[in-house]
Structures are given as C-alpha cells and as structure tokens.
N, C-alpha and C. Protein backbone atom coordinates (compact mmCIF):
# COMPACT_ATOMS: atom_id res chain seq x y z
N UNK A 1 -88.15 67.36 -96.43
CA UNK A 1 -86.76 67.34 -95.99
C UNK A 1 -86.04 66.23 -96.74
N UNK A 2 -84.99 66.61 -97.48
CA UNK A 2 -84.28 65.61 -98.27
C UNK A 2 -83.27 64.87 -97.41
N UNK A 3 -83.16 63.58 -97.68
CA UNK A 3 -82.20 62.77 -96.92
C UNK A 3 -80.90 62.67 -97.69
N UNK A 4 -79.77 62.74 -96.90
CA UNK A 4 -78.47 62.65 -97.55
C UNK A 4 -78.13 61.19 -97.82
N UNK A 5 -77.59 60.95 -98.97
CA UNK A 5 -77.20 59.60 -99.30
C UNK A 5 -75.87 59.26 -98.62
N UNK A 6 -75.80 58.05 -98.09
CA UNK A 6 -74.57 57.59 -97.47
C UNK A 6 -73.57 57.25 -98.57
N UNK A 7 -72.38 57.79 -98.47
CA UNK A 7 -71.36 57.56 -99.49
C UNK A 7 -70.44 56.45 -99.05
N UNK A 8 -70.30 55.42 -99.83
CA UNK A 8 -69.43 54.30 -99.50
C UNK A 8 -67.98 54.74 -99.57
N UNK A 9 -67.16 54.18 -98.63
CA UNK A 9 -65.72 54.53 -98.65
C UNK A 9 -65.04 53.95 -99.88
N UNK A 10 -65.76 53.00 -100.53
CA UNK A 10 -65.18 52.39 -101.74
C UNK A 10 -65.58 53.13 -103.01
N UNK A 11 -66.43 54.14 -102.87
CA UNK A 11 -66.91 54.85 -104.07
C UNK A 11 -65.74 55.41 -104.88
N UNK A 12 -65.75 55.17 -106.13
CA UNK A 12 -64.73 55.73 -107.03
C UNK A 12 -63.48 54.89 -107.14
N UNK A 13 -63.41 53.77 -106.36
CA UNK A 13 -62.21 52.92 -106.41
C UNK A 13 -62.42 51.78 -107.40
N UNK A 14 -61.35 51.41 -108.06
CA UNK A 14 -61.41 50.27 -108.96
C UNK A 14 -61.36 48.99 -108.13
N UNK A 15 -61.65 47.87 -108.77
CA UNK A 15 -61.63 46.57 -108.08
C UNK A 15 -60.25 46.30 -107.51
N UNK A 16 -59.22 46.63 -108.26
CA UNK A 16 -57.84 46.41 -107.81
C UNK A 16 -57.51 47.28 -106.60
N UNK A 17 -57.99 48.55 -106.68
CA UNK A 17 -57.72 49.47 -105.57
C UNK A 17 -58.45 49.03 -104.30
N UNK A 18 -59.69 48.51 -104.47
CA UNK A 18 -60.45 48.01 -103.32
C UNK A 18 -59.73 46.82 -102.68
N UNK A 19 -59.20 45.94 -103.53
CA UNK A 19 -58.49 44.78 -103.03
C UNK A 19 -57.26 45.21 -102.24
N UNK A 20 -56.56 46.20 -102.79
CA UNK A 20 -55.37 46.71 -102.10
C UNK A 20 -55.73 47.37 -100.78
N UNK A 21 -56.84 48.13 -100.77
CA UNK A 21 -57.28 48.79 -99.54
C UNK A 21 -57.67 47.77 -98.48
N UNK A 22 -58.38 46.72 -98.90
CA UNK A 22 -58.77 45.64 -97.99
C UNK A 22 -57.55 44.98 -97.36
N UNK A 23 -56.56 44.72 -98.20
CA UNK A 23 -55.33 44.07 -97.71
C UNK A 23 -54.63 44.98 -96.70
N UNK A 24 -54.62 46.29 -97.01
CA UNK A 24 -53.97 47.25 -96.11
C UNK A 24 -54.69 47.29 -94.75
N UNK A 25 -56.04 47.29 -94.78
CA UNK A 25 -56.83 47.33 -93.54
C UNK A 25 -56.59 46.08 -92.69
N UNK A 26 -56.57 44.92 -93.36
CA UNK A 26 -56.35 43.66 -92.63
C UNK A 26 -54.97 43.64 -92.00
N UNK A 27 -53.97 44.15 -92.75
CA UNK A 27 -52.61 44.20 -92.22
C UNK A 27 -52.54 45.14 -91.01
N UNK A 28 -53.24 46.30 -91.12
CA UNK A 28 -53.26 47.27 -90.02
C UNK A 28 -53.91 46.66 -88.78
N UNK A 29 -55.00 45.88 -89.00
CA UNK A 29 -55.68 45.23 -87.89
C UNK A 29 -54.77 44.21 -87.20
N UNK A 30 -54.03 43.43 -88.01
CA UNK A 30 -53.10 42.44 -87.45
C UNK A 30 -51.99 43.14 -86.66
N UNK A 31 -51.48 44.24 -87.23
CA UNK A 31 -50.43 45.00 -86.54
C UNK A 31 -50.94 45.55 -85.20
N UNK A 32 -52.19 46.03 -85.24
CA UNK A 32 -52.79 46.58 -84.02
C UNK A 32 -52.94 45.50 -82.95
N UNK A 33 -53.42 44.32 -83.35
CA UNK A 33 -53.57 43.20 -82.41
C UNK A 33 -52.22 42.78 -81.83
N UNK A 34 -51.21 42.75 -82.73
CA UNK A 34 -49.87 42.36 -82.28
C UNK A 34 -49.34 43.36 -81.26
N UNK A 35 -49.55 44.64 -81.54
CA UNK A 35 -49.08 45.69 -80.62
C UNK A 35 -49.82 45.63 -79.29
N UNK A 36 -51.13 45.34 -79.37
CA UNK A 36 -51.92 45.24 -78.14
C UNK A 36 -51.44 44.09 -77.27
N UNK A 37 -51.05 42.97 -77.93
CA UNK A 37 -50.52 41.82 -77.18
C UNK A 37 -49.19 42.18 -76.52
N UNK A 38 -48.36 42.91 -77.25
CA UNK A 38 -47.06 43.34 -76.70
C UNK A 38 -47.28 44.27 -75.50
N UNK A 39 -48.21 45.23 -75.68
CA UNK A 39 -48.52 46.18 -74.59
C UNK A 39 -49.02 45.43 -73.36
N UNK A 40 -49.88 44.41 -73.60
CA UNK A 40 -50.42 43.62 -72.50
C UNK A 40 -49.31 42.89 -71.75
N UNK A 41 -48.39 42.28 -72.53
CA UNK A 41 -47.27 41.57 -71.91
C UNK A 41 -46.38 42.52 -71.10
N UNK A 42 -46.08 43.67 -71.70
CA UNK A 42 -45.23 44.66 -71.01
C UNK A 42 -45.91 45.15 -69.73
N UNK A 43 -47.23 45.37 -69.82
CA UNK A 43 -47.99 45.81 -68.64
C UNK A 43 -47.92 44.78 -67.53
N UNK A 44 -48.10 43.50 -67.89
CA UNK A 44 -48.04 42.42 -66.90
C UNK A 44 -46.67 42.35 -66.25
N UNK A 45 -45.62 42.49 -67.08
CA UNK A 45 -44.25 42.46 -66.56
C UNK A 45 -44.00 43.63 -65.61
N UNK A 46 -44.49 44.82 -66.00
CA UNK A 46 -44.32 46.01 -65.15
C UNK A 46 -45.03 45.84 -63.80
N UNK A 47 -46.26 45.30 -63.85
CA UNK A 47 -47.02 45.07 -62.62
C UNK A 47 -46.29 44.07 -61.73
N UNK A 48 -45.73 43.02 -62.38
CA UNK A 48 -45.00 42.00 -61.62
C UNK A 48 -43.78 42.61 -60.94
N UNK A 49 -43.06 43.49 -61.65
CA UNK A 49 -41.89 44.15 -61.07
C UNK A 49 -42.30 45.05 -59.90
N UNK A 50 -43.40 45.78 -60.08
CA UNK A 50 -43.88 46.68 -59.02
C UNK A 50 -44.26 45.89 -57.78
N UNK A 51 -45.00 44.77 -57.99
CA UNK A 51 -45.40 43.94 -56.87
C UNK A 51 -44.20 43.32 -56.17
N UNK A 52 -43.22 42.88 -56.96
CA UNK A 52 -42.01 42.30 -56.39
C UNK A 52 -41.25 43.34 -55.57
N UNK A 53 -41.20 44.57 -56.10
CA UNK A 53 -40.52 45.65 -55.37
C UNK A 53 -41.25 45.96 -54.06
N UNK A 54 -42.58 45.98 -54.13
CA UNK A 54 -43.37 46.25 -52.92
C UNK A 54 -43.19 45.15 -51.89
N UNK A 55 -43.20 43.91 -52.36
CA UNK A 55 -43.01 42.78 -51.45
C UNK A 55 -41.62 42.81 -50.84
N UNK A 56 -40.63 43.16 -51.67
CA UNK A 56 -39.26 43.25 -51.17
C UNK A 56 -39.12 44.34 -50.13
N UNK A 57 -39.75 45.50 -50.41
CA UNK A 57 -39.69 46.61 -49.45
C UNK A 57 -40.41 46.24 -48.16
N UNK A 58 -41.59 45.59 -48.29
CA UNK A 58 -42.36 45.20 -47.11
C UNK A 58 -41.58 44.22 -46.25
N UNK A 59 -40.93 43.25 -46.90
CA UNK A 59 -40.13 42.27 -46.17
C UNK A 59 -38.96 42.93 -45.46
N UNK A 60 -38.32 43.85 -46.14
CA UNK A 60 -37.19 44.58 -45.56
C UNK A 60 -37.64 45.42 -44.37
N UNK A 61 -38.81 46.04 -44.50
CA UNK A 61 -39.35 46.86 -43.41
C UNK A 61 -39.70 46.00 -42.21
N UNK A 62 -40.34 44.84 -42.45
CA UNK A 62 -40.69 43.92 -41.37
C UNK A 62 -39.43 43.49 -40.61
N UNK A 63 -38.38 43.16 -41.36
CA UNK A 63 -37.12 42.75 -40.75
C UNK A 63 -36.52 43.87 -39.91
N UNK A 64 -36.63 45.09 -40.43
CA UNK A 64 -36.10 46.25 -39.73
C UNK A 64 -36.83 46.49 -38.41
N UNK A 65 -38.16 46.30 -38.42
CA UNK A 65 -38.97 46.48 -37.21
C UNK A 65 -38.58 45.44 -36.15
N UNK A 66 -38.46 44.18 -36.58
CA UNK A 66 -38.07 43.12 -35.64
C UNK A 66 -36.69 43.39 -35.07
N UNK A 67 -35.76 43.78 -35.92
CA UNK A 67 -34.37 44.05 -35.48
C UNK A 67 -34.35 45.17 -34.43
N UNK A 68 -35.11 46.24 -34.69
CA UNK A 68 -35.14 47.37 -33.76
C UNK A 68 -35.74 46.97 -32.42
N UNK A 69 -36.75 46.09 -32.46
CA UNK A 69 -37.39 45.62 -31.22
C UNK A 69 -36.45 44.70 -30.43
N UNK A 70 -35.78 43.80 -31.14
CA UNK A 70 -34.86 42.86 -30.50
C UNK A 70 -33.74 43.60 -29.78
N UNK A 71 -33.27 44.69 -30.37
CA UNK A 71 -32.18 45.47 -29.77
C UNK A 71 -32.56 46.07 -28.42
N UNK A 72 -33.85 46.17 -28.13
CA UNK A 72 -34.31 46.77 -26.87
C UNK A 72 -34.59 45.73 -25.78
N UNK A 73 -34.51 44.44 -26.12
CA UNK A 73 -34.78 43.40 -25.13
C UNK A 73 -33.84 43.56 -23.92
N UNK A 74 -34.43 43.55 -22.73
CA UNK A 74 -33.65 43.73 -21.50
C UNK A 74 -33.68 45.15 -20.97
N UNK A 75 -34.05 46.09 -21.81
CA UNK A 75 -34.17 47.48 -21.36
C UNK A 75 -35.53 47.69 -20.69
N UNK A 76 -35.62 48.69 -19.83
CA UNK A 76 -36.91 48.94 -19.18
C UNK A 76 -36.79 49.77 -17.92
N UNK A 77 -37.63 49.46 -16.95
CA UNK A 77 -37.78 50.28 -15.74
C UNK A 77 -36.55 50.22 -14.83
N UNK A 78 -36.29 51.33 -14.18
CA UNK A 78 -35.20 51.40 -13.21
C UNK A 78 -35.53 52.46 -12.17
N UNK A 79 -35.32 52.14 -10.92
CA UNK A 79 -35.59 53.10 -9.84
C UNK A 79 -36.95 52.91 -9.23
N UNK A 80 -37.99 52.95 -10.06
CA UNK A 80 -39.36 52.66 -9.63
C UNK A 80 -40.25 52.40 -10.84
N UNK A 81 -41.49 52.02 -10.56
CA UNK A 81 -42.42 51.62 -11.61
C UNK A 81 -42.63 52.71 -12.65
N UNK A 82 -42.45 52.36 -13.93
CA UNK A 82 -42.65 53.28 -15.06
C UNK A 82 -41.64 54.43 -15.09
N UNK A 83 -40.48 54.21 -14.50
CA UNK A 83 -39.42 55.23 -14.50
C UNK A 83 -38.12 54.63 -15.02
N UNK A 84 -37.20 55.49 -15.39
CA UNK A 84 -35.89 55.07 -15.85
C UNK A 84 -35.50 55.73 -17.16
N UNK A 85 -34.20 55.67 -17.48
CA UNK A 85 -33.70 56.30 -18.70
C UNK A 85 -34.31 55.69 -19.97
N UNK A 86 -34.52 54.37 -19.95
CA UNK A 86 -35.13 53.73 -21.12
C UNK A 86 -36.57 54.19 -21.31
N UNK A 87 -37.27 54.36 -20.20
CA UNK A 87 -38.67 54.81 -20.28
C UNK A 87 -38.72 56.22 -20.85
N UNK A 88 -37.81 57.07 -20.42
CA UNK A 88 -37.76 58.43 -20.97
C UNK A 88 -37.45 58.40 -22.46
N UNK A 89 -36.61 57.46 -22.87
CA UNK A 89 -36.28 57.32 -24.30
C UNK A 89 -37.52 56.95 -25.10
N UNK A 90 -38.28 55.98 -24.60
CA UNK A 90 -39.47 55.54 -25.31
C UNK A 90 -40.59 56.58 -25.27
N UNK A 91 -40.67 57.28 -24.15
CA UNK A 91 -41.80 58.20 -23.92
C UNK A 91 -41.44 59.66 -24.20
N UNK A 92 -40.32 59.87 -24.87
CA UNK A 92 -39.89 61.22 -25.24
C UNK A 92 -39.78 62.14 -24.02
N UNK A 93 -39.11 61.63 -23.02
CA UNK A 93 -38.82 62.44 -21.84
C UNK A 93 -39.80 62.30 -20.70
N UNK A 94 -40.93 61.64 -20.94
CA UNK A 94 -41.97 61.51 -19.91
C UNK A 94 -41.76 60.22 -19.12
N UNK A 95 -42.01 60.27 -17.82
CA UNK A 95 -41.94 59.08 -16.97
C UNK A 95 -43.24 58.98 -16.17
N UNK A 96 -43.42 57.82 -15.53
CA UNK A 96 -44.57 57.64 -14.65
C UNK A 96 -45.84 57.21 -15.34
N UNK A 97 -45.75 56.83 -16.64
CA UNK A 97 -46.94 56.38 -17.39
C UNK A 97 -46.67 55.02 -18.03
N UNK A 98 -47.74 54.32 -18.37
CA UNK A 98 -47.59 53.06 -19.10
C UNK A 98 -46.82 53.31 -20.38
N UNK A 99 -45.89 52.44 -20.69
CA UNK A 99 -44.95 52.74 -21.78
C UNK A 99 -44.88 51.71 -22.91
N UNK A 100 -45.80 50.74 -22.95
CA UNK A 100 -45.75 49.73 -24.02
C UNK A 100 -45.89 50.39 -25.40
N UNK A 101 -46.82 51.35 -25.51
CA UNK A 101 -47.05 52.02 -26.80
C UNK A 101 -45.86 52.92 -27.16
N UNK A 102 -45.26 53.53 -26.14
CA UNK A 102 -44.07 54.35 -26.37
C UNK A 102 -42.93 53.50 -26.92
N UNK A 103 -42.78 52.31 -26.37
CA UNK A 103 -41.76 51.38 -26.86
C UNK A 103 -42.00 51.02 -28.32
N UNK A 104 -43.24 50.65 -28.67
CA UNK A 104 -43.57 50.29 -30.05
C UNK A 104 -43.39 51.48 -30.99
N UNK A 105 -43.82 52.66 -30.55
CA UNK A 105 -43.66 53.86 -31.38
C UNK A 105 -42.18 54.16 -31.61
N UNK A 106 -41.38 53.95 -30.58
CA UNK A 106 -39.92 54.15 -30.70
C UNK A 106 -39.34 53.20 -31.76
N UNK A 107 -39.75 51.94 -31.69
CA UNK A 107 -39.28 50.92 -32.64
C UNK A 107 -39.70 51.28 -34.07
N UNK A 108 -40.96 51.66 -34.25
CA UNK A 108 -41.46 52.03 -35.58
C UNK A 108 -40.73 53.26 -36.11
N UNK A 109 -40.56 54.24 -35.24
CA UNK A 109 -39.90 55.48 -35.62
C UNK A 109 -38.45 55.20 -36.05
N UNK A 110 -37.80 54.32 -35.31
CA UNK A 110 -36.41 53.95 -35.62
C UNK A 110 -36.33 53.22 -36.95
N UNK A 111 -37.40 52.53 -37.33
CA UNK A 111 -37.46 51.78 -38.59
C UNK A 111 -37.94 52.64 -39.76
N UNK A 112 -38.17 53.92 -39.48
CA UNK A 112 -38.59 54.84 -40.54
C UNK A 112 -40.08 54.92 -40.78
N UNK A 113 -40.87 54.33 -39.88
CA UNK A 113 -42.33 54.36 -40.02
C UNK A 113 -42.89 55.60 -39.32
N UNK A 114 -43.58 56.44 -40.08
CA UNK A 114 -44.14 57.67 -39.50
C UNK A 114 -45.66 57.71 -39.59
N UNK A 115 -46.23 56.77 -40.34
CA UNK A 115 -47.67 56.81 -40.66
C UNK A 115 -48.57 56.78 -39.44
N UNK A 116 -48.16 56.09 -38.39
CA UNK A 116 -49.01 55.97 -37.20
C UNK A 116 -48.73 57.06 -36.17
N UNK A 117 -47.84 57.97 -36.51
CA UNK A 117 -47.47 59.01 -35.55
C UNK A 117 -46.62 58.40 -34.44
N UNK A 118 -46.35 59.19 -33.40
CA UNK A 118 -45.62 58.67 -32.24
C UNK A 118 -46.62 58.62 -31.10
N UNK A 119 -47.32 57.50 -31.03
CA UNK A 119 -48.43 57.37 -30.09
C UNK A 119 -48.00 56.77 -28.76
N UNK A 120 -48.52 57.32 -27.67
CA UNK A 120 -48.27 56.78 -26.33
C UNK A 120 -49.45 55.91 -25.87
N UNK A 121 -50.40 55.70 -26.78
CA UNK A 121 -51.59 54.92 -26.46
C UNK A 121 -51.66 53.68 -27.36
N UNK A 122 -51.75 52.50 -26.75
CA UNK A 122 -51.85 51.26 -27.52
C UNK A 122 -53.12 51.24 -28.36
N UNK A 123 -54.21 51.71 -27.77
CA UNK A 123 -55.50 51.75 -28.50
C UNK A 123 -55.41 52.68 -29.70
N UNK A 124 -54.71 53.80 -29.52
CA UNK A 124 -54.58 54.77 -30.61
C UNK A 124 -53.80 54.16 -31.77
N UNK A 125 -52.77 53.37 -31.46
CA UNK A 125 -52.00 52.70 -32.50
C UNK A 125 -52.89 51.72 -33.26
N UNK A 126 -53.65 50.92 -32.51
CA UNK A 126 -54.55 49.95 -33.14
C UNK A 126 -55.62 50.64 -33.98
N UNK A 127 -56.26 51.66 -33.39
CA UNK A 127 -57.35 52.36 -34.09
C UNK A 127 -56.86 53.04 -35.36
N UNK A 128 -55.66 53.64 -35.29
CA UNK A 128 -55.11 54.32 -36.47
C UNK A 128 -54.77 53.32 -37.56
N UNK A 129 -54.15 52.19 -37.16
CA UNK A 129 -53.82 51.15 -38.13
C UNK A 129 -55.06 50.58 -38.79
N UNK A 130 -56.09 50.35 -37.99
CA UNK A 130 -57.35 49.82 -38.52
C UNK A 130 -58.00 50.82 -39.47
N UNK A 131 -57.96 52.09 -39.09
CA UNK A 131 -58.53 53.16 -39.92
C UNK A 131 -57.84 53.23 -41.28
N UNK A 132 -56.54 52.91 -41.30
CA UNK A 132 -55.77 52.96 -42.55
C UNK A 132 -55.91 51.68 -43.36
N UNK A 133 -56.70 50.73 -42.85
CA UNK A 133 -56.91 49.48 -43.57
C UNK A 133 -55.77 48.50 -43.42
N UNK A 134 -55.03 48.61 -42.32
CA UNK A 134 -53.84 47.79 -42.11
C UNK A 134 -54.09 46.59 -41.20
N UNK A 135 -55.31 46.38 -40.75
CA UNK A 135 -55.57 45.22 -39.90
C UNK A 135 -55.53 43.96 -40.75
N UNK A 136 -54.85 42.93 -40.26
CA UNK A 136 -54.72 41.67 -41.00
C UNK A 136 -55.12 40.50 -40.10
N UNK A 137 -55.32 39.35 -40.72
CA UNK A 137 -55.79 38.18 -39.98
C UNK A 137 -54.67 37.21 -39.62
N UNK A 138 -53.72 37.04 -40.54
CA UNK A 138 -52.63 36.08 -40.31
C UNK A 138 -51.32 36.84 -40.06
N UNK A 139 -50.85 36.86 -38.82
CA UNK A 139 -49.68 37.66 -38.48
C UNK A 139 -48.36 37.08 -38.97
N UNK A 140 -47.39 37.97 -39.18
CA UNK A 140 -46.03 37.61 -39.56
C UNK A 140 -45.07 38.42 -38.70
N UNK A 141 -43.80 38.03 -38.65
CA UNK A 141 -42.82 38.83 -37.92
C UNK A 141 -42.80 40.28 -38.43
N UNK A 142 -42.76 41.21 -37.49
CA UNK A 142 -42.78 42.63 -37.85
C UNK A 142 -44.14 43.26 -37.74
N UNK A 143 -45.20 42.44 -37.63
CA UNK A 143 -46.55 42.97 -37.42
C UNK A 143 -46.72 43.39 -35.96
N UNK A 144 -47.74 44.19 -35.70
CA UNK A 144 -48.05 44.59 -34.33
C UNK A 144 -49.19 43.73 -33.81
N UNK A 145 -49.10 43.32 -32.55
CA UNK A 145 -50.18 42.58 -31.91
C UNK A 145 -50.78 43.50 -30.85
N UNK A 146 -52.10 43.67 -30.92
CA UNK A 146 -52.79 44.64 -30.06
C UNK A 146 -53.80 43.94 -29.15
N UNK A 147 -53.83 44.36 -27.89
CA UNK A 147 -54.68 43.74 -26.89
C UNK A 147 -55.60 44.78 -26.25
N UNK A 148 -56.70 44.31 -25.66
CA UNK A 148 -57.54 45.19 -24.86
C UNK A 148 -57.23 44.95 -23.38
N UNK A 149 -57.49 45.97 -22.59
CA UNK A 149 -57.33 45.86 -21.14
C UNK A 149 -58.57 46.42 -20.46
N UNK A 150 -58.95 45.81 -19.36
CA UNK A 150 -60.16 46.25 -18.66
C UNK A 150 -61.38 45.64 -19.29
N UNK A 151 -61.74 46.12 -20.48
CA UNK A 151 -62.83 45.55 -21.27
C UNK A 151 -62.54 45.82 -22.74
N UNK A 152 -63.21 45.09 -23.60
CA UNK A 152 -62.93 45.21 -25.04
C UNK A 152 -63.26 46.61 -25.57
N UNK A 153 -64.19 47.29 -24.92
CA UNK A 153 -64.59 48.63 -25.37
C UNK A 153 -63.89 49.74 -24.59
N UNK A 154 -62.98 49.36 -23.72
CA UNK A 154 -62.25 50.35 -22.92
C UNK A 154 -61.24 51.10 -23.78
N UNK A 155 -60.80 52.26 -23.32
CA UNK A 155 -59.76 53.01 -24.02
C UNK A 155 -58.38 52.40 -23.76
N UNK A 156 -58.32 51.53 -22.77
CA UNK A 156 -57.04 50.94 -22.39
C UNK A 156 -56.64 49.82 -23.34
N UNK A 157 -55.33 49.62 -23.48
CA UNK A 157 -54.85 48.55 -24.35
C UNK A 157 -53.40 48.21 -24.07
N UNK A 158 -52.87 47.33 -24.88
CA UNK A 158 -51.47 46.92 -24.78
C UNK A 158 -51.04 46.54 -26.19
N UNK A 159 -49.75 46.71 -26.51
CA UNK A 159 -49.28 46.45 -27.86
C UNK A 159 -47.85 45.94 -27.84
N UNK A 160 -47.55 45.09 -28.79
CA UNK A 160 -46.19 44.55 -28.92
C UNK A 160 -45.85 44.33 -30.38
N UNK A 161 -44.62 43.89 -30.62
CA UNK A 161 -44.13 43.60 -31.97
C UNK A 161 -43.92 42.10 -32.10
N UNK A 162 -44.46 41.50 -33.15
CA UNK A 162 -44.30 40.06 -33.35
C UNK A 162 -42.89 39.76 -33.86
N UNK A 163 -42.22 38.89 -33.14
CA UNK A 163 -40.84 38.50 -33.48
C UNK A 163 -40.83 37.23 -34.34
N UNK A 164 -41.65 36.25 -33.95
CA UNK A 164 -41.68 34.98 -34.67
C UNK A 164 -43.09 34.41 -34.73
N UNK A 165 -43.36 33.67 -35.79
CA UNK A 165 -44.59 32.87 -35.89
C UNK A 165 -44.14 31.47 -36.28
N UNK A 166 -44.27 30.55 -35.34
CA UNK A 166 -43.83 29.17 -35.56
C UNK A 166 -45.00 28.22 -35.32
N UNK A 167 -45.51 27.62 -36.40
CA UNK A 167 -46.63 26.70 -36.25
C UNK A 167 -47.83 27.40 -35.62
N UNK A 168 -48.24 26.91 -34.47
CA UNK A 168 -49.39 27.50 -33.78
C UNK A 168 -48.97 28.44 -32.65
N UNK A 169 -47.72 28.91 -32.71
CA UNK A 169 -47.23 29.79 -31.65
C UNK A 169 -46.76 31.12 -32.20
N UNK A 170 -47.01 32.17 -31.41
CA UNK A 170 -46.55 33.51 -31.74
C UNK A 170 -45.63 33.98 -30.62
N UNK A 171 -44.48 34.54 -30.97
CA UNK A 171 -43.60 35.15 -29.98
C UNK A 171 -43.56 36.64 -30.26
N UNK A 172 -43.95 37.43 -29.28
CA UNK A 172 -43.95 38.88 -29.44
C UNK A 172 -42.94 39.52 -28.50
N UNK A 173 -42.52 40.72 -28.85
CA UNK A 173 -41.62 41.51 -28.00
C UNK A 173 -42.45 42.65 -27.44
N UNK A 174 -42.53 42.72 -26.13
CA UNK A 174 -43.40 43.70 -25.47
C UNK A 174 -42.67 44.40 -24.32
N UNK A 175 -43.09 45.62 -24.08
CA UNK A 175 -42.59 46.38 -22.93
C UNK A 175 -43.71 46.60 -21.94
N UNK A 176 -43.33 46.89 -20.70
CA UNK A 176 -44.31 47.19 -19.64
C UNK A 176 -45.27 46.04 -19.39
N UNK A 177 -44.73 44.83 -19.44
CA UNK A 177 -45.54 43.64 -19.18
C UNK A 177 -45.03 42.99 -17.89
N UNK A 178 -45.91 42.90 -16.89
CA UNK A 178 -45.52 42.28 -15.63
C UNK A 178 -45.19 43.31 -14.56
N UNK A 179 -44.77 42.79 -13.42
CA UNK A 179 -44.50 43.66 -12.25
C UNK A 179 -43.17 44.39 -12.40
N UNK A 180 -43.01 45.44 -11.59
CA UNK A 180 -41.75 46.20 -11.54
C UNK A 180 -40.62 45.28 -11.10
N UNK A 181 -39.46 45.35 -11.66
CA UNK A 181 -39.06 46.24 -12.78
C UNK A 181 -39.34 45.58 -14.13
N UNK A 182 -40.36 46.05 -14.83
CA UNK A 182 -40.74 45.49 -16.13
C UNK A 182 -39.69 45.84 -17.18
N UNK A 183 -39.34 44.85 -17.98
CA UNK A 183 -38.35 45.05 -19.05
C UNK A 183 -38.96 44.66 -20.39
N UNK A 184 -38.34 45.09 -21.45
CA UNK A 184 -38.72 44.62 -22.79
C UNK A 184 -38.33 43.15 -22.87
N UNK A 185 -39.28 42.31 -23.24
CA UNK A 185 -39.01 40.87 -23.25
C UNK A 185 -39.88 40.15 -24.27
N UNK A 186 -39.53 38.89 -24.52
CA UNK A 186 -40.30 38.04 -25.43
C UNK A 186 -41.39 37.30 -24.66
N UNK A 187 -42.57 37.22 -25.26
CA UNK A 187 -43.70 36.51 -24.66
C UNK A 187 -44.30 35.60 -25.72
N UNK A 188 -44.59 34.38 -25.32
CA UNK A 188 -45.13 33.38 -26.26
C UNK A 188 -46.63 33.21 -26.06
N UNK A 189 -47.36 33.10 -27.18
CA UNK A 189 -48.80 32.88 -27.15
C UNK A 189 -49.16 31.73 -28.08
N UNK A 190 -50.26 31.07 -27.76
CA UNK A 190 -50.85 30.11 -28.70
C UNK A 190 -51.60 30.92 -29.75
N UNK A 191 -51.26 30.73 -31.01
CA UNK A 191 -51.78 31.56 -32.09
C UNK A 191 -53.30 31.64 -32.11
N UNK A 192 -53.96 30.52 -31.88
CA UNK A 192 -55.42 30.50 -31.96
C UNK A 192 -56.10 30.80 -30.63
N UNK A 193 -55.32 31.20 -29.64
CA UNK A 193 -55.90 31.48 -28.33
C UNK A 193 -55.11 32.57 -27.61
N UNK A 194 -54.97 33.73 -28.27
CA UNK A 194 -54.25 34.86 -27.68
C UNK A 194 -55.20 35.61 -26.74
N UNK A 195 -54.89 35.68 -25.45
CA UNK A 195 -55.79 36.34 -24.49
C UNK A 195 -55.99 37.83 -24.80
N UNK A 196 -57.23 38.26 -24.74
CA UNK A 196 -57.58 39.68 -24.89
C UNK A 196 -57.08 40.30 -26.21
N UNK A 197 -57.07 39.50 -27.25
CA UNK A 197 -56.59 39.98 -28.55
C UNK A 197 -57.58 40.94 -29.20
N UNK A 198 -57.08 42.11 -29.61
CA UNK A 198 -57.87 43.05 -30.40
C UNK A 198 -57.67 42.76 -31.89
N UNK A 199 -56.43 42.59 -32.26
CA UNK A 199 -56.13 42.31 -33.66
C UNK A 199 -54.67 42.54 -33.98
N UNK A 200 -54.34 42.33 -35.27
CA UNK A 200 -52.97 42.49 -35.74
C UNK A 200 -52.93 43.63 -36.76
N UNK A 201 -51.85 44.40 -36.70
CA UNK A 201 -51.66 45.50 -37.63
C UNK A 201 -50.36 45.29 -38.39
N UNK A 202 -50.45 45.38 -39.73
CA UNK A 202 -49.24 45.29 -40.56
C UNK A 202 -48.99 46.64 -41.21
N UNK A 203 -47.81 47.17 -41.02
CA UNK A 203 -47.48 48.46 -41.61
C UNK A 203 -47.57 48.36 -43.13
N UNK A 204 -48.41 49.18 -43.72
CA UNK A 204 -48.64 49.14 -45.15
C UNK A 204 -49.78 48.25 -45.57
N UNK A 205 -50.26 47.40 -44.64
CA UNK A 205 -51.39 46.54 -44.92
C UNK A 205 -51.01 45.26 -45.64
N UNK A 206 -52.01 44.45 -45.94
CA UNK A 206 -51.82 43.16 -46.61
C UNK A 206 -51.42 43.38 -48.04
N UNK A 207 -50.43 42.61 -48.52
CA UNK A 207 -50.02 42.70 -49.92
C UNK A 207 -50.58 41.53 -50.70
C-alpha cells in the first residue's frame, strides 16, 4: 500500500511569494484577534444592559407589589369573621374562609404577576414559589414572607407582603391576622427571629 506524500502549502511558491503569504496570514490573525476582542466587549456591554434592564424591571415590580398592598391597609372583615365585601374581593366571591393568601394573590394579580396563580392557600403560594426556585434568604420590600401554622409540616400557613426592611427589623403587610374584625395591617418582626417562618419568596427569584 503506497503512502501519499504530504504536500506543503508553500510548494511552488517563490521566496518572495512565501514572505507575502506569511505577512498576509499574520495580518489576518491580528485582525481576527482584534475582532474577537471587539465581540467580547460588545457581548459584555449587551449582558450588562440586559442585567440592568432585569434589575430595573424587578425593582419596578417590587415597588408595584408594595404599592398595591399598602392601598389595602385598613380593609378587611365586616359583619362577622372572614366575611365582608373586601373578603369577597380577595377571595373571588367566596366568604367564610381564611383570606391571607387571597389578599396576597389579589395584590400580586393587581401587580401583573400571574406565575403563582391565584392561590387561596398560603402553603400553596410558598410551595409554588419554592418549586420555581424563587426562595431567597435576604428579604427586600415586595418579597413574600411565608409562615407555618399548627406545625412546620402542616398544610396550614400564613403569608404577607414585605413593606420595609430596616436594619434588623422587617415590616410586613398581612391580612387575616388577629381577632375579628381582622384588617389588612402592618406587622413588625425582628429579622433574625421571625416566629414560625417558612421562608421568603421573591417574584422572579434572586438576581
């Protein structure tokens, strides 16, 4: 079996032509490196713009959630426990049931958030947010604060919207907290010692 001879790319070229070809290749390599650097810079700038846009949108959304929750402060039960026009608004016409999750779902829905559905269960809101990878460790205004009730493994829960985080204190806006007639109100917690805390959910997750 005969072996084929490898043919040099320089075969048949004069010394001058080889020199010219070498110069052309080196110039092409420099041009390629220069273009790659430009592409890298443009890519970094594009990523920075995208991240800035995402951060801007996230901040705007958080503000919108807080604003919608604040507008409901003072609304709540009327006539008897878990009843009233505000309860029907939060619970889509239903009365006589715990309504903290309905209040939060109403606020999210009003802010244009549909990802968590319109849940009447605080645990369902927390579980869905966690499933979507939205659970975070350090809360900010506009995040959801989720609690357990009965026991940590119970289906029962409670949920509110964080209004402020100041130093070691968290102020949340919650509905259906306390005795009749329960109203939407602000509640303050020590950040490092929130009773029955399940976790925090940020719409869209950590950026």
